[in-house]
């Protein structure tokens, strides 16, 4: 995937939840813009996965961004 669709979803006003799916099949629910960070170059995403957890994702391994689908069961 290219960096721009993700950047657009993060910056959407008003913010709308979305889900990121990776090539490994992992899904990350983004319910608030403060739970995701995209590096300045756009090639890396950091997603908060819990109180103290996070995932670092390479944009080329993201297969889809689904708007309005930001409600997944909590990660353990």
N, C-alpha and C. Protein backbone atom coordinates (compact mmCIF):
# COMPACT_ATOMS: atom_id res chain seq x y z
N UNK A 1 0.85 -1.17 0.00
CA UNK A 1 0.00 0.00 0.00
C UNK A 1 0.89 1.23 0.00
N UNK A 2 0.38 2.30 -0.54
CA UNK A 2 1.08 3.59 -0.52
C UNK A 2 0.80 4.30 0.80
N UNK A 3 1.62 5.27 1.15
CA UNK A 3 1.50 5.98 2.42
C UNK A 3 0.30 6.94 2.46
N UNK A 4 -0.07 7.51 1.33
CA UNK A 4 -1.08 8.59 1.33
C UNK A 4 -2.47 8.17 1.81
N UNK A 5 -3.02 7.00 1.44
CA UNK A 5 -4.34 6.63 1.97
C UNK A 5 -4.37 6.52 3.50
N UNK A 6 -3.28 6.08 4.07
CA UNK A 6 -3.21 5.98 5.53
C UNK A 6 -3.13 7.38 6.13
N UNK A 7 -2.29 8.22 5.56
CA UNK A 7 -2.15 9.59 6.04
C UNK A 7 -3.51 10.31 5.97
N UNK A 8 -4.24 10.10 4.89
CA UNK A 8 -5.56 10.72 4.74
C UNK A 8 -6.53 10.25 5.81
N UNK A 9 -6.51 8.94 6.12
CA UNK A 9 -7.40 8.41 7.15
C UNK A 9 -7.06 8.99 8.52
N UNK A 10 -5.78 9.16 8.81
CA UNK A 10 -5.35 9.71 10.09
C UNK A 10 -5.78 11.16 10.23
N UNK A 11 -5.68 11.91 9.14
CA UNK A 11 -5.94 13.36 9.18
C UNK A 11 -7.39 13.74 8.90
N UNK A 12 -8.23 12.79 8.59
CA UNK A 12 -9.64 13.07 8.25
C UNK A 12 -10.31 13.90 9.35
N UNK A 13 -11.01 14.94 8.94
CA UNK A 13 -11.74 15.81 9.88
C UNK A 13 -13.21 15.86 9.51
N UNK A 14 -14.12 15.55 10.39
CA UNK A 14 -13.84 15.00 11.72
C UNK A 14 -13.28 13.58 11.59
N UNK A 15 -12.53 13.18 12.59
CA UNK A 15 -11.91 11.87 12.57
C UNK A 15 -12.97 10.78 12.53
N UNK A 16 -12.70 9.75 11.74
CA UNK A 16 -13.59 8.59 11.66
C UNK A 16 -12.75 7.35 11.91
N UNK A 17 -13.24 6.45 12.75
CA UNK A 17 -12.47 5.24 13.07
C UNK A 17 -12.22 4.43 11.80
N UNK A 18 -11.14 3.65 11.82
CA UNK A 18 -10.82 2.79 10.68
C UNK A 18 -10.02 1.59 11.15
N UNK A 19 -9.92 0.60 10.28
CA UNK A 19 -9.18 -0.61 10.59
C UNK A 19 -8.08 -0.81 9.56
N UNK A 20 -6.90 -1.12 10.03
CA UNK A 20 -5.76 -1.45 9.18
C UNK A 20 -5.61 -2.96 9.18
N UNK A 21 -5.44 -3.56 8.00
CA UNK A 21 -5.19 -4.99 7.88
C UNK A 21 -3.82 -5.19 7.25
N UNK A 22 -3.03 -6.09 7.82
CA UNK A 22 -1.69 -6.36 7.31
C UNK A 22 -1.68 -7.60 6.41
N UNK A 23 -0.57 -7.80 5.71
CA UNK A 23 -0.43 -8.97 4.84
C UNK A 23 -0.43 -10.27 5.65
N UNK A 24 -0.14 -10.19 6.94
CA UNK A 24 -0.18 -11.37 7.82
C UNK A 24 -1.59 -11.64 8.36
N UNK A 25 -2.55 -10.76 8.00
CA UNK A 25 -3.93 -10.94 8.45
C UNK A 25 -4.25 -10.26 9.76
N UNK A 26 -3.28 -9.58 10.37
CA UNK A 26 -3.55 -8.86 11.62
C UNK A 26 -4.41 -7.65 11.33
N UNK A 27 -5.30 -7.34 12.27
CA UNK A 27 -6.17 -6.18 12.15
C UNK A 27 -5.93 -5.26 13.34
N UNK A 28 -5.86 -3.98 13.05
CA UNK A 28 -5.64 -2.97 14.08
C UNK A 28 -6.75 -1.93 13.98
N UNK A 29 -7.54 -1.82 15.04
CA UNK A 29 -8.63 -0.85 15.09
C UNK A 29 -8.07 0.49 15.54
N UNK A 30 -8.29 1.51 14.75
CA UNK A 30 -7.85 2.86 15.07
C UNK A 30 -9.10 3.66 15.43
N UNK A 31 -9.29 3.90 16.72
CA UNK A 31 -10.52 4.55 17.18
C UNK A 31 -10.31 6.01 17.57
N UNK A 32 -9.04 6.44 17.58
CA UNK A 32 -8.74 7.83 17.94
C UNK A 32 -7.42 8.20 17.26
N UNK A 33 -7.28 9.42 16.77
CA UNK A 33 -6.05 9.78 16.05
C UNK A 33 -4.79 9.74 16.92
N UNK A 34 -4.94 9.77 18.23
CA UNK A 34 -3.77 9.71 19.10
C UNK A 34 -3.27 8.28 19.32
N UNK A 35 -3.92 7.29 18.72
CA UNK A 35 -3.48 5.91 18.87
C UNK A 35 -2.65 5.44 17.68
N UNK A 36 -2.36 6.34 16.74
CA UNK A 36 -1.58 5.98 15.57
C UNK A 36 -0.62 7.12 15.22
N UNK A 37 0.55 6.74 14.74
CA UNK A 37 1.56 7.71 14.32
C UNK A 37 2.15 7.22 13.00
N UNK A 38 2.26 8.12 12.06
CA UNK A 38 2.93 7.80 10.80
C UNK A 38 4.19 8.65 10.73
N UNK A 39 5.32 8.02 10.41
CA UNK A 39 6.57 8.76 10.33
C UNK A 39 6.49 9.81 9.23
N UNK A 40 7.37 10.79 9.32
CA UNK A 40 7.37 11.89 8.35
C UNK A 40 7.50 11.38 6.92
N UNK A 41 8.34 10.40 6.70
CA UNK A 41 8.49 9.83 5.36
C UNK A 41 7.31 8.99 4.93
N UNK A 42 6.48 8.58 5.90
CA UNK A 42 5.25 7.85 5.61
C UNK A 42 5.38 6.35 5.50
N UNK A 43 6.59 5.81 5.61
CA UNK A 43 6.78 4.38 5.38
C UNK A 43 6.59 3.50 6.60
N UNK A 44 6.47 4.10 7.78
CA UNK A 44 6.32 3.34 9.02
C UNK A 44 5.14 3.88 9.81
N UNK A 45 4.36 2.96 10.39
CA UNK A 45 3.20 3.28 11.22
C UNK A 45 3.44 2.69 12.60
N UNK A 46 3.13 3.44 13.64
CA UNK A 46 3.17 2.93 15.01
C UNK A 46 1.74 2.99 15.54
N UNK A 47 1.23 1.85 15.99
CA UNK A 47 -0.15 1.75 16.47
C UNK A 47 -0.14 1.34 17.93
N UNK A 48 -0.87 2.07 18.74
CA UNK A 48 -1.03 1.69 20.16
C UNK A 48 -1.96 0.48 20.22
N UNK A 49 -1.55 -0.54 20.95
CA UNK A 49 -2.33 -1.78 21.01
C UNK A 49 -2.87 -2.09 22.40
N UNK A 50 -2.68 -1.21 23.32
CA UNK A 50 -3.16 -1.42 24.68
C UNK A 50 -2.60 -0.33 25.56
N UNK A 51 -2.71 -0.52 26.85
CA UNK A 51 -2.23 0.49 27.78
C UNK A 51 -0.75 0.79 27.58
N UNK A 52 0.06 -0.23 27.36
CA UNK A 52 1.50 -0.03 27.24
C UNK A 52 2.08 -0.70 26.01
N UNK A 53 1.23 -1.25 25.15
CA UNK A 53 1.72 -1.96 23.99
C UNK A 53 1.63 -1.14 22.72
N UNK A 54 2.44 -1.52 21.73
CA UNK A 54 2.36 -0.87 20.44
C UNK A 54 2.88 -1.83 19.38
N UNK A 55 2.50 -1.57 18.14
CA UNK A 55 2.98 -2.34 17.00
C UNK A 55 3.61 -1.38 16.02
N UNK A 56 4.73 -1.80 15.44
CA UNK A 56 5.40 -1.01 14.41
C UNK A 56 5.17 -1.73 13.09
N UNK A 57 4.56 -1.03 12.15
CA UNK A 57 4.18 -1.62 10.87
C UNK A 57 4.87 -0.93 9.72
N UNK A 58 5.32 -1.71 8.76
CA UNK A 58 5.86 -1.17 7.51
C UNK A 58 4.68 -0.99 6.57
N UNK A 59 4.53 0.19 6.00
CA UNK A 59 3.38 0.49 5.15
C UNK A 59 3.27 -0.49 3.99
N UNK A 60 4.38 -0.99 3.46
CA UNK A 60 4.30 -1.93 2.33
C UNK A 60 3.65 -3.26 2.73
N UNK A 61 3.54 -3.53 4.06
CA UNK A 61 2.88 -4.76 4.53
C UNK A 61 1.43 -4.53 4.93
N UNK A 62 0.90 -3.34 4.70
CA UNK A 62 -0.50 -3.04 4.98
C UNK A 62 -1.29 -3.28 3.70
N UNK A 63 -2.32 -4.12 3.79
CA UNK A 63 -3.08 -4.48 2.59
C UNK A 63 -4.36 -3.69 2.43
N UNK A 64 -4.92 -3.17 3.55
CA UNK A 64 -6.14 -2.39 3.42
C UNK A 64 -6.35 -1.45 4.60
N UNK A 65 -7.09 -0.39 4.31
CA UNK A 65 -7.55 0.55 5.31
C UNK A 65 -9.05 0.67 5.11
N UNK A 66 -9.84 0.23 6.09
CA UNK A 66 -11.30 0.25 5.98
C UNK A 66 -11.85 1.33 6.89
N UNK A 67 -12.41 2.36 6.31
CA UNK A 67 -12.99 3.44 7.08
C UNK A 67 -14.27 2.98 7.78
N UNK A 68 -14.48 3.49 8.98
CA UNK A 68 -15.69 3.17 9.73
C UNK A 68 -15.70 1.79 10.34
N UNK A 69 -14.57 1.10 10.34
CA UNK A 69 -14.51 -0.26 10.87
C UNK A 69 -13.57 -0.35 12.07
N UNK A 70 -13.49 0.70 12.86
CA UNK A 70 -12.52 0.75 13.94
C UNK A 70 -12.95 0.12 15.23
N UNK A 71 -13.82 -0.88 15.19
CA UNK A 71 -14.25 -1.52 16.44
C UNK A 71 -13.96 -3.02 16.38
N UNK A 72 -12.87 -3.39 17.00
CA UNK A 72 -12.48 -4.79 17.10
C UNK A 72 -12.43 -5.18 18.57
N UNK A 73 -12.50 -6.47 18.87
CA UNK A 73 -12.33 -6.86 20.28
C UNK A 73 -10.98 -6.38 20.79
N UNK A 74 -10.87 -6.06 22.07
CA UNK A 74 -9.59 -5.58 22.63
C UNK A 74 -8.49 -6.62 22.45
N UNK A 75 -7.28 -6.14 22.20
CA UNK A 75 -6.13 -7.03 22.07
C UNK A 75 -5.61 -7.36 23.47
N UNK A 76 -5.08 -8.56 23.64
CA UNK A 76 -4.53 -8.96 24.94
C UNK A 76 -3.04 -8.81 24.94
